[in-house]
N, C-alpha and C. Protein backbone atom coordinates (compact mmCIF):
# COMPACT_ATOMS: atom_id res chain seq x y z
N MET A 1 0.84 -1.18 0.00
CA MET A 1 0.00 0.00 0.00
C MET A 1 0.88 1.24 0.00
N ILE A 2 0.50 2.21 -0.81
CA ILE A 2 1.30 3.44 -0.81
C ILE A 2 0.88 4.32 0.37
N GLN A 3 1.75 5.26 0.72
CA GLN A 3 1.53 6.09 1.91
C GLN A 3 0.20 6.84 1.87
N GLN A 4 -0.18 7.36 0.71
CA GLN A 4 -1.44 8.10 0.60
C GLN A 4 -2.63 7.18 0.90
N ASP A 5 -2.56 5.94 0.40
CA ASP A 5 -3.63 4.99 0.68
C ASP A 5 -3.72 4.68 2.17
N ILE A 6 -2.56 4.52 2.80
CA ILE A 6 -2.53 4.24 4.24
C ILE A 6 -3.10 5.42 5.01
N THR A 7 -2.72 6.63 4.63
CA THR A 7 -3.22 7.83 5.29
C THR A 7 -4.74 7.93 5.17
N THR A 8 -5.24 7.69 3.97
CA THR A 8 -6.69 7.75 3.73
C THR A 8 -7.42 6.68 4.52
N ARG A 9 -6.90 5.47 4.50
CA ARG A 9 -7.52 4.36 5.22
C ARG A 9 -7.57 4.64 6.72
N CYS A 10 -6.48 5.13 7.26
CA CYS A 10 -6.43 5.43 8.69
C CYS A 10 -7.40 6.55 9.06
N ALA A 11 -7.50 7.55 8.22
CA ALA A 11 -8.45 8.64 8.47
C ALA A 11 -9.88 8.11 8.47
N HIS A 12 -10.20 7.23 7.53
CA HIS A 12 -11.54 6.63 7.48
C HIS A 12 -11.80 5.78 8.72
N LEU A 13 -10.82 5.02 9.12
CA LEU A 13 -10.97 4.19 10.32
C LEU A 13 -11.20 5.05 11.56
N ARG A 14 -10.49 6.16 11.66
CA ARG A 14 -10.67 7.05 12.82
C ARG A 14 -12.08 7.65 12.85
N ARG A 15 -12.57 8.07 11.68
CA ARG A 15 -13.94 8.61 11.62
C ARG A 15 -14.96 7.53 11.95
N LEU A 16 -14.73 6.33 11.43
CA LEU A 16 -15.63 5.22 11.72
C LEU A 16 -15.66 4.93 13.22
N ARG A 17 -14.48 4.91 13.85
CA ARG A 17 -14.40 4.67 15.29
C ARG A 17 -15.18 5.73 16.06
N GLU A 18 -15.03 6.99 15.69
CA GLU A 18 -15.76 8.06 16.37
C GLU A 18 -17.27 7.87 16.25
N ARG A 19 -17.74 7.57 15.04
CA ARG A 19 -19.18 7.38 14.84
C ARG A 19 -19.69 6.16 15.59
N MET A 20 -18.92 5.09 15.57
CA MET A 20 -19.35 3.89 16.27
C MET A 20 -19.37 4.09 17.78
N ASN A 21 -18.36 4.78 18.31
CA ASN A 21 -18.35 5.05 19.75
C ASN A 21 -19.54 5.91 20.15
N GLU A 22 -19.91 6.86 19.32
CA GLU A 22 -21.08 7.69 19.61
C GLU A 22 -22.36 6.84 19.59
N GLU A 23 -22.48 5.98 18.60
CA GLU A 23 -23.66 5.12 18.51
C GLU A 23 -23.72 4.16 19.69
N ILE A 24 -22.58 3.62 20.09
CA ILE A 24 -22.53 2.73 21.25
C ILE A 24 -22.96 3.48 22.50
N ARG A 25 -22.47 4.71 22.66
CA ARG A 25 -22.85 5.52 23.82
C ARG A 25 -24.36 5.76 23.85
N LEU A 26 -24.93 6.09 22.69
CA LEU A 26 -26.37 6.34 22.63
C LEU A 26 -27.18 5.08 22.94
N LEU A 27 -26.75 3.95 22.41
CA LEU A 27 -27.45 2.69 22.69
C LEU A 27 -27.36 2.33 24.17
N GLN A 28 -26.21 2.56 24.77
CA GLN A 28 -26.06 2.28 26.20
C GLN A 28 -26.97 3.17 27.03
N GLU A 29 -27.08 4.44 26.64
CA GLU A 29 -27.99 5.35 27.34
C GLU A 29 -29.43 4.88 27.21
N THR A 30 -29.79 4.46 26.01
CA THR A 30 -31.15 3.98 25.77
C THR A 30 -31.45 2.76 26.63
N LEU A 31 -30.51 1.84 26.70
CA LEU A 31 -30.71 0.65 27.53
C LEU A 31 -30.82 1.02 29.00
N GLN A 32 -30.00 1.96 29.43
CA GLN A 32 -30.03 2.40 30.83
C GLN A 32 -31.38 3.05 31.15
N GLU A 33 -31.89 3.88 30.25
CA GLU A 33 -33.20 4.51 30.46
C GLU A 33 -34.30 3.45 30.51
N THR A 34 -34.17 2.47 29.64
CA THR A 34 -35.17 1.39 29.61
C THR A 34 -35.17 0.63 30.92
N GLU A 35 -33.99 0.33 31.43
CA GLU A 35 -33.88 -0.37 32.72
C GLU A 35 -34.44 0.48 33.85
N THR A 36 -34.17 1.78 33.82
CA THR A 36 -34.65 2.69 34.86
C THR A 36 -36.17 2.71 34.91
N ARG A 37 -36.79 2.62 33.76
CA ARG A 37 -38.26 2.63 33.70
C ARG A 37 -38.86 1.28 34.06
N GLY A 38 -38.01 0.28 34.27
CA GLY A 38 -38.51 -1.02 34.68
C GLY A 38 -38.86 -1.94 33.53
N PHE A 39 -38.51 -1.56 32.32
CA PHE A 39 -38.79 -2.41 31.18
C PHE A 39 -37.64 -3.39 30.98
N ASP A 40 -37.95 -4.52 30.40
CA ASP A 40 -36.88 -5.46 30.04
C ASP A 40 -36.04 -4.86 28.92
N ASN A 41 -34.77 -5.26 28.91
CA ASN A 41 -33.90 -4.81 27.83
C ASN A 41 -34.36 -5.42 26.51
N PRO A 42 -34.54 -4.58 25.52
CA PRO A 42 -34.88 -5.14 24.21
C PRO A 42 -33.71 -5.98 23.69
N ILE A 43 -33.99 -7.24 23.42
CA ILE A 43 -32.93 -8.17 23.01
C ILE A 43 -32.25 -7.68 21.75
N GLN A 44 -33.02 -7.16 20.82
CA GLN A 44 -32.44 -6.69 19.57
C GLN A 44 -31.43 -5.57 19.81
N THR A 45 -31.74 -4.64 20.68
CA THR A 45 -30.83 -3.54 20.98
C THR A 45 -29.56 -4.06 21.64
N VAL A 46 -29.70 -5.02 22.53
CA VAL A 46 -28.54 -5.61 23.19
C VAL A 46 -27.65 -6.28 22.17
N GLU A 47 -28.24 -7.01 21.24
CA GLU A 47 -27.46 -7.70 20.21
C GLU A 47 -26.75 -6.71 19.29
N VAL A 48 -27.43 -5.64 18.92
CA VAL A 48 -26.81 -4.60 18.08
C VAL A 48 -25.64 -3.97 18.83
N LEU A 49 -25.84 -3.69 20.10
CA LEU A 49 -24.79 -3.10 20.92
C LEU A 49 -23.57 -4.02 20.98
N LYS A 50 -23.78 -5.30 21.22
CA LYS A 50 -22.67 -6.26 21.27
C LYS A 50 -21.95 -6.31 19.93
N SER A 51 -22.71 -6.31 18.86
CA SER A 51 -22.12 -6.37 17.52
C SER A 51 -21.28 -5.12 17.24
N LEU A 52 -21.81 -3.95 17.58
CA LEU A 52 -21.06 -2.71 17.38
C LEU A 52 -19.78 -2.70 18.21
N GLN A 53 -19.86 -3.18 19.43
CA GLN A 53 -18.67 -3.22 20.28
C GLN A 53 -17.62 -4.15 19.69
N HIS A 54 -18.05 -5.26 19.12
CA HIS A 54 -17.12 -6.20 18.50
C HIS A 54 -16.45 -5.57 17.28
N VAL A 55 -17.24 -4.93 16.43
CA VAL A 55 -16.69 -4.28 15.24
C VAL A 55 -15.77 -3.14 15.64
N CYS A 56 -16.15 -2.39 16.64
CA CYS A 56 -15.32 -1.28 17.12
C CYS A 56 -13.98 -1.81 17.62
N HIS A 57 -13.99 -2.93 18.29
CA HIS A 57 -12.74 -3.55 18.74
C HIS A 57 -11.86 -3.91 17.54
N ASN A 58 -12.47 -4.45 16.49
CA ASN A 58 -11.71 -4.79 15.28
C ASN A 58 -11.13 -3.54 14.61
N VAL A 59 -11.89 -2.46 14.62
CA VAL A 59 -11.40 -1.19 14.07
C VAL A 59 -10.20 -0.72 14.89
N GLU A 60 -10.29 -0.84 16.21
CA GLU A 60 -9.17 -0.46 17.07
C GLU A 60 -7.92 -1.26 16.74
N LEU A 61 -8.09 -2.55 16.48
CA LEU A 61 -6.95 -3.39 16.12
C LEU A 61 -6.32 -2.92 14.80
N GLU A 62 -7.15 -2.54 13.86
CA GLU A 62 -6.63 -2.03 12.58
C GLU A 62 -5.94 -0.69 12.77
N LEU A 63 -6.47 0.14 13.66
CA LEU A 63 -5.86 1.45 13.91
C LEU A 63 -4.49 1.33 14.56
N GLU A 64 -4.24 0.23 15.24
CA GLU A 64 -2.92 0.01 15.84
C GLU A 64 -1.84 -0.08 14.75
N LYS A 65 -2.24 -0.40 13.54
CA LYS A 65 -1.30 -0.51 12.41
C LYS A 65 -1.04 0.85 11.77
N CYS A 66 -1.80 1.86 12.15
CA CYS A 66 -1.68 3.19 11.54
C CYS A 66 -0.54 3.97 12.17
N PRO A 67 0.00 4.94 11.41
CA PRO A 67 1.04 5.82 11.95
C PRO A 67 0.49 6.62 13.13
N GLU A 68 1.35 6.95 14.05
CA GLU A 68 0.96 7.69 15.26
C GLU A 68 0.69 9.16 15.03
N ASN A 69 1.11 9.71 13.91
CA ASN A 69 1.03 11.15 13.69
C ASN A 69 -0.37 11.65 13.35
N GLY A 70 -1.39 10.80 13.51
CA GLY A 70 -2.75 11.25 13.25
C GLY A 70 -3.11 11.24 11.79
N ALA A 71 -2.28 10.65 10.96
CA ALA A 71 -2.53 10.59 9.52
C ALA A 71 -3.71 9.71 9.23
């Protein structure tokens, strides 16, 4: 891979990580509110949350291969 491709890929991965972390935070808040109201956790939301956390972990592993300079 050429340097420009690596830079672009890493930038995309960083943006993806930010969006996924925000979505995970929102889903966790929703689940917490649901629990507070005494409702059971929606299984589908829990599964989506687990899936997002797994993918986010994989993105983090890929970001470890990126240059440290924020490229």
